[in-house]
N, C-alpha and C. Protein backbone atom coordinates (compact mmCIF):
# COMPACT_ATOMS: atom_id res chain seq x y z
N MET A 1 -44.78 -51.99 42.72
CA MET A 1 -45.50 -51.31 43.67
C MET A 1 -44.65 -51.16 44.99
N ARG A 2 -44.34 -50.21 45.29
CA ARG A 2 -43.49 -50.07 46.74
C ARG A 2 -44.23 -50.65 48.28
N ASN A 3 -43.74 -51.27 48.91
CA ASN A 3 -44.23 -51.40 50.26
C ASN A 3 -43.83 -50.03 51.25
N GLU A 4 -45.05 -49.41 51.48
CA GLU A 4 -44.82 -47.72 52.27
C GLU A 4 -45.00 -48.75 53.49
N ALA A 5 -44.63 -47.99 54.67
CA ALA A 5 -44.76 -47.79 56.14
C ALA A 5 -46.14 -47.37 56.23
N PRO A 6 -47.28 -47.80 57.21
CA PRO A 6 -48.28 -47.01 57.23
C PRO A 6 -48.22 -46.05 58.25
N PRO A 7 -48.96 -44.91 58.51
CA PRO A 7 -48.54 -43.46 58.81
C PRO A 7 -48.65 -43.98 60.27
N PRO A 8 -47.94 -43.19 60.89
CA PRO A 8 -47.93 -43.14 62.56
C PRO A 8 -49.50 -42.84 63.21
N VAL A 9 -49.75 -43.58 63.93
CA VAL A 9 -51.03 -43.36 64.69
C VAL A 9 -50.76 -42.38 66.01
N GLN A 10 -51.66 -41.85 65.98
CA GLN A 10 -51.79 -40.44 66.94
C GLN A 10 -52.58 -41.31 68.13
N VAL A 11 -51.69 -40.85 69.89
CA VAL A 11 -52.60 -41.38 70.81
C VAL A 11 -53.02 -40.11 71.18
N GLU A 12 -53.88 -40.30 72.35
CA GLU A 12 -54.22 -39.15 73.09
C GLU A 12 -53.23 -38.46 73.86
N PHE A 13 -53.35 -37.67 74.40
CA PHE A 13 -52.43 -37.02 75.50
C PHE A 13 -52.83 -35.97 76.35
N PRO A 14 -52.80 -36.31 77.85
CA PRO A 14 -53.41 -35.30 78.56
C PRO A 14 -53.51 -33.84 78.42
N LEU A 15 -54.79 -33.43 78.07
CA LEU A 15 -55.14 -31.78 77.79
C LEU A 15 -54.20 -30.85 78.93
N GLN A 16 -53.98 -31.52 80.20
CA GLN A 16 -53.59 -30.36 81.21
C GLN A 16 -51.97 -30.18 80.77
N ARG A 17 -51.31 -31.36 80.26
CA ARG A 17 -49.93 -31.41 79.98
C ARG A 17 -49.53 -30.79 78.43
N ALA A 18 -50.83 -30.23 77.71
CA ALA A 18 -50.41 -30.02 76.35
C ALA A 18 -49.42 -28.63 76.33
N PHE A 19 -49.50 -28.11 77.18
CA PHE A 19 -48.64 -26.09 77.10
C PHE A 19 -47.47 -27.20 76.74
N THR A 20 -47.12 -28.12 77.05
CA THR A 20 -45.45 -28.58 77.05
C THR A 20 -45.14 -28.54 75.85
N PHE A 21 -46.05 -29.11 74.70
CA PHE A 21 -45.57 -28.88 72.94
C PHE A 21 -45.31 -27.63 72.78
N ALA A 22 -45.46 -26.62 73.13
CA ALA A 22 -44.99 -25.18 72.79
C ALA A 22 -44.27 -24.53 73.74
N GLU A 23 -43.85 -24.99 74.58
CA GLU A 23 -42.86 -24.13 75.32
C GLU A 23 -41.79 -23.43 74.26
N SER A 24 -42.06 -22.21 74.64
CA SER A 24 -41.53 -20.95 73.36
C SER A 24 -39.86 -20.69 73.50
N GLY A 25 -39.50 -21.13 74.90
CA GLY A 25 -38.13 -20.29 74.59
C GLY A 25 -37.46 -20.91 75.71
N PRO A 26 -36.69 -20.74 76.32
CA PRO A 26 -35.68 -21.18 77.63
C PRO A 26 -36.24 -20.98 78.72
N VAL A 27 -35.88 -21.27 80.10
CA VAL A 27 -36.54 -21.28 81.10
C VAL A 27 -36.14 -19.57 81.55
N LEU A 28 -36.27 -18.67 82.08
CA LEU A 28 -36.11 -17.46 82.44
C LEU A 28 -35.98 -17.39 83.91
N LEU A 29 -35.42 -16.31 84.46
CA LEU A 29 -35.31 -15.86 85.74
C LEU A 29 -35.85 -14.58 85.71
N ILE A 30 -36.43 -14.02 86.47
CA ILE A 30 -37.53 -12.83 86.63
C ILE A 30 -37.01 -12.21 87.78
N SER A 31 -36.03 -10.97 87.40
CA SER A 31 -35.60 -10.21 89.09
C SER A 31 -36.44 -8.88 89.02
N THR A 32 -36.97 -8.88 90.30
CA THR A 32 -37.70 -7.94 90.84
C THR A 32 -37.42 -7.12 92.05
N ARG A 33 -37.33 -5.92 92.11
CA ARG A 33 -37.35 -4.90 93.19
C ARG A 33 -38.16 -4.55 93.76
N HIS A 34 -38.59 -4.80 95.17
CA HIS A 34 -39.89 -4.13 95.86
C HIS A 34 -39.82 -4.02 97.32
N GLN A 35 -39.99 -2.92 97.72
CA GLN A 35 -39.76 -2.70 99.45
C GLN A 35 -38.31 -2.93 99.78
N ASP A 36 -37.50 -2.76 98.62
CA ASP A 36 -35.95 -2.75 99.19
C ASP A 36 -35.86 -4.27 99.27
N LYS A 37 -36.20 -5.13 98.83
CA LYS A 37 -35.64 -6.55 98.81
C LYS A 37 -35.79 -6.88 97.21
N ASN A 38 -34.76 -7.54 96.89
CA ASN A 38 -34.75 -8.09 95.53
C ASN A 38 -35.15 -9.63 95.63
N ASN A 39 -35.34 -9.99 94.44
CA ASN A 39 -36.43 -11.18 94.39
C ASN A 39 -36.07 -12.01 93.11
N LEU A 40 -35.75 -13.31 93.04
CA LEU A 40 -35.65 -14.04 91.72
C LEU A 40 -37.03 -15.13 91.54
N MET A 41 -37.46 -15.23 90.36
CA MET A 41 -38.54 -16.04 90.18
C MET A 41 -38.24 -17.02 88.84
N THR A 42 -38.26 -18.24 88.95
CA THR A 42 -38.23 -19.24 87.81
C THR A 42 -39.48 -19.21 86.82
N VAL A 43 -39.33 -19.03 85.72
CA VAL A 43 -40.46 -18.95 84.74
C VAL A 43 -40.24 -19.68 83.53
N SER A 44 -41.18 -20.60 82.99
CA SER A 44 -41.11 -21.13 81.78
C SER A 44 -42.22 -20.93 80.88
N CYS A 45 -43.21 -20.44 81.43
CA CYS A 45 -44.31 -19.93 80.68
C CYS A 45 -44.30 -18.29 80.11
N HIS A 46 -44.10 -18.59 78.98
CA HIS A 46 -43.83 -17.23 78.36
C HIS A 46 -43.59 -17.11 76.93
N ALA A 47 -43.91 -15.83 76.29
CA ALA A 47 -43.82 -15.97 75.08
C ALA A 47 -43.05 -14.76 74.19
N SER A 48 -42.32 -14.71 73.05
CA SER A 48 -41.91 -13.91 72.45
C SER A 48 -43.17 -13.08 71.60
N MET A 49 -42.95 -12.00 71.58
CA MET A 49 -44.27 -11.12 71.08
C MET A 49 -43.78 -10.50 69.93
N GLY A 50 -42.68 -10.21 69.75
CA GLY A 50 -42.20 -9.33 68.68
C GLY A 50 -40.42 -9.13 68.82
N PHE A 51 -40.13 -8.13 67.76
CA PHE A 51 -38.54 -7.89 67.42
C PHE A 51 -38.01 -6.73 68.47
N GLU A 52 -39.01 -6.29 69.26
CA GLU A 52 -38.81 -4.95 69.81
C GLU A 52 -37.70 -4.92 70.44
N PRO A 53 -37.75 -5.69 71.84
CA PRO A 53 -38.16 -7.32 72.27
C PRO A 53 -39.55 -7.07 73.21
N THR A 54 -40.51 -7.42 72.98
CA THR A 54 -41.68 -7.52 73.82
C THR A 54 -42.38 -9.23 73.89
N LEU A 55 -42.23 -9.34 75.51
CA LEU A 55 -42.35 -10.69 75.77
C LEU A 55 -43.71 -10.53 76.91
N GLY A 56 -44.11 -11.90 76.90
CA GLY A 56 -45.40 -12.22 77.69
C GLY A 56 -45.04 -12.89 78.55
N ILE A 57 -45.14 -13.03 79.77
CA ILE A 57 -44.99 -13.93 80.93
C ILE A 57 -46.20 -13.94 81.96
N CYS A 58 -46.56 -15.10 82.36
CA CYS A 58 -47.24 -15.78 83.00
C CYS A 58 -46.83 -15.84 84.64
N LEU A 59 -47.29 -15.06 85.58
CA LEU A 59 -47.22 -15.52 87.07
C LEU A 59 -48.35 -14.90 87.85
N GLY A 60 -48.62 -16.22 88.78
CA GLY A 60 -50.01 -15.34 89.52
C GLY A 60 -49.75 -14.76 90.81
N PRO A 61 -51.04 -14.07 91.25
CA PRO A 61 -50.96 -13.78 92.52
C PRO A 61 -50.56 -14.40 93.78
N TRP A 62 -50.27 -15.96 93.76
CA TRP A 62 -49.47 -16.54 95.17
C TRP A 62 -48.09 -16.45 94.67
N ASN A 63 -47.40 -15.59 93.79
CA ASN A 63 -46.18 -15.54 93.97
C ASN A 63 -45.74 -14.06 94.31
N PHE A 64 -44.59 -14.10 95.25
CA PHE A 64 -44.14 -13.19 95.74
C PHE A 64 -43.61 -11.74 94.39
N SER A 65 -43.42 -12.50 93.43
CA SER A 65 -42.95 -11.56 92.24
C SER A 65 -44.12 -11.10 91.51
N TYR A 66 -45.15 -11.84 92.04
CA TYR A 66 -46.62 -11.04 91.42
C TYR A 66 -46.70 -9.42 92.10
N ALA A 67 -46.90 -9.57 93.15
CA ALA A 67 -46.91 -8.21 93.94
C ALA A 67 -46.04 -7.18 93.17
N ALA A 68 -44.37 -7.56 93.29
CA ALA A 68 -43.44 -6.87 92.99
C ALA A 68 -43.60 -6.24 91.48
N LEU A 69 -44.08 -6.86 90.89
CA LEU A 69 -44.29 -6.78 89.26
C LEU A 69 -45.57 -5.91 89.08
N THR A 70 -46.49 -6.31 89.60
CA THR A 70 -47.78 -5.58 89.76
C THR A 70 -47.43 -3.95 89.93
N GLU A 71 -46.91 -3.87 91.45
CA GLU A 71 -46.83 -2.59 91.82
C GLU A 71 -45.67 -1.71 91.26
N THR A 72 -44.62 -2.36 91.08
CA THR A 72 -43.44 -1.40 90.30
C THR A 72 -43.64 -1.27 88.69
N GLY A 73 -44.36 -2.45 87.94
CA GLY A 73 -44.21 -1.92 86.34
C GLY A 73 -43.16 -2.61 85.69
N GLU A 74 -41.84 -3.19 86.44
CA GLU A 74 -40.58 -3.44 85.87
C GLU A 74 -39.96 -4.66 86.41
N CYS A 75 -38.96 -5.03 85.67
CA CYS A 75 -38.12 -6.18 86.32
C CYS A 75 -37.04 -6.32 85.12
N VAL A 76 -36.36 -7.55 85.47
CA VAL A 76 -35.16 -8.16 84.40
C VAL A 76 -35.55 -9.38 84.38
N VAL A 77 -35.39 -9.66 82.84
CA VAL A 77 -35.71 -10.91 82.31
C VAL A 77 -34.19 -11.66 82.16
N ALA A 78 -33.89 -12.62 82.93
CA ALA A 78 -32.44 -13.15 82.72
C ALA A 78 -32.59 -14.66 81.98
N ILE A 79 -31.55 -14.96 81.26
CA ILE A 79 -31.71 -16.25 80.72
C ILE A 79 -30.59 -16.89 81.25
N PRO A 80 -30.49 -17.67 82.23
CA PRO A 80 -29.39 -18.66 82.71
C PRO A 80 -28.82 -19.63 81.96
N PRO A 81 -27.76 -19.78 81.97
CA PRO A 81 -26.87 -21.20 81.30
C PRO A 81 -27.49 -22.70 81.93
N ALA A 82 -27.07 -23.57 81.11
CA ALA A 82 -27.14 -24.60 81.37
C ALA A 82 -26.80 -25.22 82.75
N SER A 83 -25.43 -24.57 82.93
CA SER A 83 -24.59 -24.92 84.20
C SER A 83 -25.44 -24.36 85.32
N LEU A 84 -26.44 -23.58 85.55
CA LEU A 84 -27.20 -23.13 86.38
C LEU A 84 -28.74 -23.81 86.84
N LEU A 85 -29.02 -24.87 86.00
CA LEU A 85 -30.40 -25.51 85.90
C LEU A 85 -30.78 -25.98 87.51
N THR A 86 -29.83 -26.46 88.25
CA THR A 86 -30.22 -27.06 89.53
C THR A 86 -31.00 -25.87 90.22
N ARG A 87 -30.03 -24.91 90.45
CA ARG A 87 -30.10 -23.59 90.82
C ARG A 87 -31.52 -23.13 90.78
N VAL A 88 -31.78 -23.13 89.58
CA VAL A 88 -32.74 -22.58 88.68
C VAL A 88 -33.97 -23.31 89.17
N VAL A 89 -34.20 -24.31 89.14
CA VAL A 89 -35.23 -25.42 89.65
C VAL A 89 -35.42 -25.00 91.28
N ASP A 90 -34.34 -24.69 91.97
CA ASP A 90 -34.39 -24.44 93.59
C ASP A 90 -35.03 -23.27 93.68
N ILE A 91 -34.84 -22.33 92.90
CA ILE A 91 -35.13 -21.08 92.91
C ILE A 91 -36.71 -20.87 93.19
N GLY A 92 -37.24 -22.00 91.88
CA GLY A 92 -38.70 -21.94 91.60
C GLY A 92 -39.58 -22.80 92.67
N ASN A 93 -38.51 -23.31 93.71
CA ASN A 93 -39.36 -24.26 94.72
C ASN A 93 -39.14 -23.41 96.04
N CYS A 94 -39.29 -22.22 95.96
CA CYS A 94 -39.10 -21.45 97.32
C CYS A 94 -39.73 -19.89 97.22
N SER A 95 -40.02 -19.19 98.10
CA SER A 95 -40.63 -18.29 97.98
C SER A 95 -40.01 -16.93 98.13
N GLY A 96 -39.99 -16.02 97.33
CA GLY A 96 -38.93 -14.76 97.50
C GLY A 96 -39.51 -13.98 98.93
N ASP A 97 -40.76 -14.22 99.76
CA ASP A 97 -40.86 -13.62 100.82
C ASP A 97 -40.28 -14.07 102.04
N SER A 98 -39.89 -15.20 102.12
CA SER A 98 -39.24 -15.82 103.10
C SER A 98 -37.53 -16.18 102.73
N CYS A 99 -36.91 -15.93 101.70
CA CYS A 99 -35.51 -15.71 101.70
C CYS A 99 -34.97 -14.77 100.61
N ASP A 100 -33.56 -14.60 100.82
CA ASP A 100 -33.03 -13.96 99.63
C ASP A 100 -32.42 -14.74 98.61
N LYS A 101 -33.20 -14.85 97.47
CA LYS A 101 -32.54 -15.69 96.91
C LYS A 101 -31.62 -15.61 96.09
N PHE A 102 -30.67 -14.48 95.92
CA PHE A 102 -29.71 -13.97 95.34
C PHE A 102 -28.50 -14.48 96.08
N ALA A 103 -28.64 -14.24 97.69
CA ALA A 103 -27.81 -15.10 98.66
C ALA A 103 -27.82 -16.65 98.68
N GLU A 104 -29.35 -17.09 99.07
CA GLU A 104 -29.59 -18.48 98.96
C GLU A 104 -28.97 -19.17 97.96
N PHE A 105 -28.85 -18.84 96.63
CA PHE A 105 -28.18 -19.51 95.30
C PHE A 105 -26.98 -19.17 94.83
N GLY A 106 -26.21 -18.23 95.50
CA GLY A 106 -24.89 -17.71 95.55
C GLY A 106 -24.84 -17.06 94.17
N LEU A 107 -25.88 -16.21 93.72
CA LEU A 107 -26.09 -15.57 92.33
C LEU A 107 -25.87 -13.89 92.65
N THR A 108 -25.42 -13.01 91.86
CA THR A 108 -24.68 -11.89 92.21
C THR A 108 -25.62 -11.10 91.68
N PRO A 109 -26.30 -10.04 92.49
CA PRO A 109 -26.91 -9.16 91.84
C PRO A 109 -26.36 -7.51 91.35
N GLN A 110 -26.50 -7.44 90.00
CA GLN A 110 -25.54 -6.37 89.69
C GLN A 110 -26.69 -5.23 89.11
N PRO A 111 -26.36 -3.81 89.29
CA PRO A 111 -27.29 -2.85 89.09
C PRO A 111 -27.78 -2.85 87.73
N ALA A 112 -29.12 -2.47 87.48
CA ALA A 112 -29.27 -2.30 86.03
C ALA A 112 -29.54 -0.62 86.25
N LEU A 113 -29.68 -0.13 84.70
CA LEU A 113 -29.19 1.51 84.43
C LEU A 113 -30.83 1.74 84.55
N ASP A 114 -32.01 1.59 83.85
CA ASP A 114 -33.29 1.84 83.94
C ASP A 114 -34.19 1.44 84.79
N VAL A 115 -34.16 0.32 85.30
CA VAL A 115 -35.20 -0.17 86.53
C VAL A 115 -34.39 -0.56 87.69
N GLN A 116 -35.27 -0.42 88.58
CA GLN A 116 -34.70 -0.89 89.97
C GLN A 116 -34.04 -2.45 90.29
N ALA A 117 -35.02 -3.54 89.65
CA ALA A 117 -34.60 -4.85 89.64
C ALA A 117 -33.21 -4.95 89.17
N GLN A 118 -32.59 -6.08 89.79
CA GLN A 118 -30.93 -6.10 89.42
C GLN A 118 -31.10 -7.43 88.68
N LEU A 119 -30.07 -7.03 87.56
CA LEU A 119 -29.16 -7.90 86.80
C LEU A 119 -28.78 -9.08 87.49
N VAL A 120 -28.70 -10.33 86.66
CA VAL A 120 -28.48 -11.45 87.26
C VAL A 120 -26.81 -11.77 86.50
N ALA A 121 -25.79 -11.25 87.29
CA ALA A 121 -24.26 -11.50 86.46
C ALA A 121 -23.98 -12.86 86.01
N GLU A 122 -24.69 -13.92 86.45
CA GLU A 122 -23.78 -15.34 85.81
C GLU A 122 -24.79 -15.74 85.02
N CYS A 123 -26.03 -14.67 84.56
CA CYS A 123 -26.73 -15.26 83.28
C CYS A 123 -26.18 -14.73 81.95
N LEU A 124 -26.49 -15.37 80.98
CA LEU A 124 -26.12 -15.16 79.69
C LEU A 124 -26.64 -14.17 79.11
N TYR A 125 -27.79 -13.79 79.40
CA TYR A 125 -28.61 -12.57 78.88
C TYR A 125 -29.65 -11.83 79.82
N ASN A 126 -29.59 -10.72 79.90
CA ASN A 126 -30.45 -9.79 81.00
C ASN A 126 -31.22 -8.71 79.97
N LEU A 127 -32.24 -8.59 80.26
CA LEU A 127 -33.44 -7.50 79.52
C LEU A 127 -34.01 -6.73 80.72
N GLU A 128 -33.49 -5.67 80.75
CA GLU A 128 -34.16 -4.72 81.60
C GLU A 128 -35.90 -4.48 80.88
N CYS A 129 -36.81 -4.54 81.50
CA CYS A 129 -38.21 -4.38 80.84
C CYS A 129 -38.94 -3.60 81.61
N ARG A 130 -40.16 -3.01 81.17
CA ARG A 130 -41.07 -2.54 81.73
C ARG A 130 -42.59 -3.23 81.34
N VAL A 131 -43.71 -3.16 82.18
CA VAL A 131 -44.90 -3.61 81.95
C VAL A 131 -45.50 -2.49 81.14
N VAL A 132 -45.95 -2.97 79.53
CA VAL A 132 -46.73 -2.18 78.87
C VAL A 132 -48.34 -2.63 78.64
N ASN A 133 -48.25 -3.58 78.86
CA ASN A 133 -49.85 -3.92 78.82
C ASN A 133 -50.06 -5.14 80.10
N ARG A 134 -51.68 -4.46 80.67
CA ARG A 134 -52.04 -5.45 81.81
C ARG A 134 -53.25 -6.04 81.36
N SER A 135 -53.83 -5.82 80.46
CA SER A 135 -55.27 -6.04 79.77
C SER A 135 -55.55 -7.78 80.35
N LEU A 136 -54.29 -8.38 80.36
CA LEU A 136 -54.93 -9.79 80.27
C LEU A 136 -54.30 -10.50 81.59
N VAL A 137 -53.98 -9.61 82.60
CA VAL A 137 -53.87 -10.07 84.13
C VAL A 137 -54.54 -10.30 84.54
N LYS A 138 -55.81 -10.08 84.78
CA LYS A 138 -56.98 -10.43 85.55
C LYS A 138 -57.61 -11.64 85.16
N ALA A 139 -57.57 -11.92 83.79
CA ALA A 139 -58.14 -12.99 82.93
C ALA A 139 -56.91 -14.27 83.23
N TYR A 140 -55.77 -14.09 82.85
CA TYR A 140 -54.75 -14.96 82.72
C TYR A 140 -53.45 -14.96 83.15
N ASN A 141 -53.47 -14.16 84.56
CA ASN A 141 -52.15 -13.70 85.04
C ASN A 141 -51.21 -13.58 83.82
N PHE A 142 -51.59 -12.70 83.06
CA PHE A 142 -50.47 -12.61 81.51
C PHE A 142 -49.85 -10.89 81.37
N PHE A 143 -48.37 -10.71 81.93
CA PHE A 143 -48.32 -9.18 81.72
C PHE A 143 -47.44 -9.36 80.41
N VAL A 144 -47.64 -8.44 79.60
CA VAL A 144 -46.77 -7.95 78.59
C VAL A 144 -45.53 -6.83 78.93
N LEU A 145 -44.38 -7.24 78.93
CA LEU A 145 -43.37 -6.71 78.74
C LEU A 145 -42.47 -5.92 77.95
N GLN A 146 -41.78 -4.77 77.76
CA GLN A 146 -41.08 -4.18 76.74
C GLN A 146 -39.67 -4.15 77.28
N GLY A 147 -38.90 -4.69 76.28
CA GLY A 147 -37.29 -4.38 76.75
C GLY A 147 -36.86 -3.14 76.57
N ILE A 148 -36.15 -2.83 77.50
CA ILE A 148 -35.83 -1.22 77.28
C ILE A 148 -34.29 -1.25 77.38
N ARG A 149 -33.49 -2.23 77.70
CA ARG A 149 -32.08 -2.08 77.57
C ARG A 149 -31.78 -3.66 77.78
N ALA A 150 -30.76 -4.10 76.89
CA ALA A 150 -30.43 -5.38 77.08
C ALA A 150 -28.55 -5.70 77.40
N TRP A 151 -28.26 -6.91 77.83
CA TRP A 151 -26.91 -6.96 78.39
C TRP A 151 -26.59 -8.34 78.08
N ARG A 152 -25.31 -8.89 77.76
CA ARG A 152 -24.87 -9.94 77.66
C ARG A 152 -23.67 -10.36 78.33
N ASP A 153 -23.47 -11.68 78.45
CA ASP A 153 -21.98 -11.88 78.81
C ASP A 153 -21.06 -12.05 78.12
N PRO A 154 -20.12 -11.42 77.53
CA PRO A 154 -19.32 -11.54 76.39
C PRO A 154 -18.53 -12.72 76.34
N ALA A 155 -18.35 -13.58 77.07
CA ALA A 155 -17.70 -14.58 77.41
C ALA A 155 -18.12 -15.48 78.47
N PRO A 156 -19.09 -16.17 77.68
CA PRO A 156 -19.82 -17.30 79.04
C PRO A 156 -19.02 -18.43 78.90
N ALA A 157 -19.00 -18.97 80.11
CA ALA A 157 -18.27 -20.58 80.73
C ALA A 157 -19.06 -21.58 79.81
N ASP A 158 -20.08 -21.37 79.94
CA ASP A 158 -21.72 -22.28 79.28
C ASP A 158 -22.23 -21.30 78.29
N LYS A 159 -22.47 -21.89 77.16
CA LYS A 159 -23.23 -21.02 76.48
C LYS A 159 -24.80 -21.63 76.04
N ARG A 160 -25.04 -22.55 76.68
CA ARG A 160 -26.25 -23.23 76.42
C ARG A 160 -27.50 -23.02 77.38
N SER A 161 -28.51 -22.87 76.92
CA SER A 161 -29.81 -22.18 77.72
C SER A 161 -30.33 -24.15 77.89
N PHE A 162 -31.74 -23.64 78.56
CA PHE A 162 -32.83 -25.11 78.69
C PHE A 162 -33.96 -24.80 78.85
N HIS A 163 -34.59 -25.52 78.30
CA HIS A 163 -35.90 -25.67 78.17
C HIS A 163 -36.87 -26.46 78.95
N ALA A 164 -37.95 -26.08 79.75
CA ALA A 164 -38.49 -27.14 80.32
C ALA A 164 -39.54 -27.99 79.20
N VAL A 165 -39.77 -28.90 79.47
CA VAL A 165 -40.70 -29.85 79.01
C VAL A 165 -41.76 -30.63 79.72
N GLY A 166 -41.73 -30.09 81.01
CA GLY A 166 -42.84 -30.52 81.61
C GLY A 166 -42.21 -31.71 82.68
N ASP A 167 -42.88 -31.66 83.87
CA ASP A 167 -42.79 -32.76 84.87
C ASP A 167 -41.31 -33.05 85.44
N GLY A 168 -40.71 -31.49 85.48
CA GLY A 168 -39.04 -31.67 85.79
C GLY A 168 -37.98 -32.04 85.44
N THR A 169 -38.58 -32.20 83.70
CA THR A 169 -37.83 -32.49 82.87
C THR A 169 -37.37 -31.20 81.67
N PHE A 170 -35.94 -31.23 81.19
CA PHE A 170 -35.62 -30.05 80.56
C PHE A 170 -34.82 -30.72 79.37
N ILE A 171 -34.71 -29.75 78.12
CA ILE A 171 -33.95 -30.03 77.15
C ILE A 171 -32.52 -29.20 77.29
N ILE A 172 -31.46 -29.32 77.35
CA ILE A 172 -30.29 -28.28 77.19
C ILE A 172 -30.16 -28.35 75.44
N ASP A 173 -29.99 -26.90 75.41
CA ASP A 173 -29.64 -26.66 74.04
C ASP A 173 -28.32 -27.45 73.53
N GLY A 174 -28.20 -28.18 72.57
CA GLY A 174 -26.87 -28.85 72.13
C GLY A 174 -26.42 -28.08 70.79
N GLU A 175 -26.42 -29.12 69.55
CA GLU A 175 -25.86 -28.52 68.32
C GLU A 175 -26.30 -27.20 68.02
N VAL A 176 -25.83 -26.72 67.34
CA VAL A 176 -25.50 -25.32 66.85
C VAL A 176 -25.39 -25.25 65.47
N ARG A 177 -26.43 -24.92 64.57
CA ARG A 177 -26.73 -25.09 63.17
C ARG A 177 -26.43 -23.48 62.73
N ASP A 178 -25.34 -22.69 61.91
CA ASP A 178 -25.58 -21.59 61.41
C ASP A 178 -26.18 -21.98 60.04
N LEU A 179 -26.83 -21.43 59.75
CA LEU A 179 -27.89 -21.03 58.09
C LEU A 179 -28.14 -19.35 58.01
N ARG A 180 -27.32 -18.67 58.64
CA ARG A 180 -27.00 -17.35 58.41
C ARG A 180 -27.33 -17.09 56.69
N HIS A 181 -26.72 -17.78 55.88
CA HIS A 181 -25.93 -17.38 54.43
C HIS A 181 -27.95 -17.95 53.86
N LYS A 182 -28.61 -18.43 54.29
CA LYS A 182 -30.07 -18.75 53.82
C LYS A 182 -30.81 -17.56 54.25
N MET A 183 -30.69 -16.74 55.02
CA MET A 183 -31.61 -15.75 55.27
C MET A 183 -31.88 -14.68 54.66
N THR A 184 -31.94 -14.88 53.24
CA THR A 184 -31.77 -13.76 52.00
C THR A 184 -32.74 -13.00 51.86
N LYS A 185 -34.06 -13.13 52.69
CA LYS A 185 -34.92 -12.00 52.96
C LYS A 185 -34.32 -10.94 54.42
N TRP A 186 -33.70 -11.42 55.05
CA TRP A 186 -33.08 -10.79 56.20
C TRP A 186 -31.62 -10.49 56.10
N GLN A 187 -31.00 -10.54 55.13
CA GLN A 187 -29.59 -9.89 55.11
C GLN A 187 -28.93 -8.91 55.91
N ASP A 188 -29.89 -7.75 55.47
CA ASP A 188 -29.67 -6.69 56.37
C ASP A 188 -29.76 -6.38 57.68
N CYS A 189 -30.15 -7.49 58.40
CA CYS A 189 -30.49 -7.83 60.00
C CYS A 189 -29.20 -8.59 60.45
N ILE A 190 -28.24 -9.28 59.62
CA ILE A 190 -27.40 -10.20 60.31
C ILE A 190 -26.09 -9.84 60.02
């Protein structure tokens, strides 16, 4: 008879911090333009909702970007590299109603083609989006966005993104494992 280790014992975790279990993707910058003013907002509460691409993001009425997104119905979703982590956190700690975040944090606005919001030149990817569903905004501050044009940096100095795990801690992408050969069901897509 083999000696087996007992199963690990689960311990209770604070419910108000449980959202950190399922952070779905990298921290995002949301770029908006409203009343001739460009703005950036840091967002970690979001969801990938399909391959189209469709995204859901949460932002509340206390945010300057909320009014811009509500009134214009468009934005740019940008994925910053890990090298911008400190700036992205700082962007999340101030309001666009009192500062020009592109200038304040040394980021370059680049015109988008289909929306008024600006691309963020220093980011790995930019996705021009339109709001396609507002049915959960009142109850959950949740906007559903549809990507309409995508951009990427063809030669980024830093290819890593980062993920929020709560309380000001982040995981920076590291090792990449290529298992495309195992994707037998999806060979025509890669």
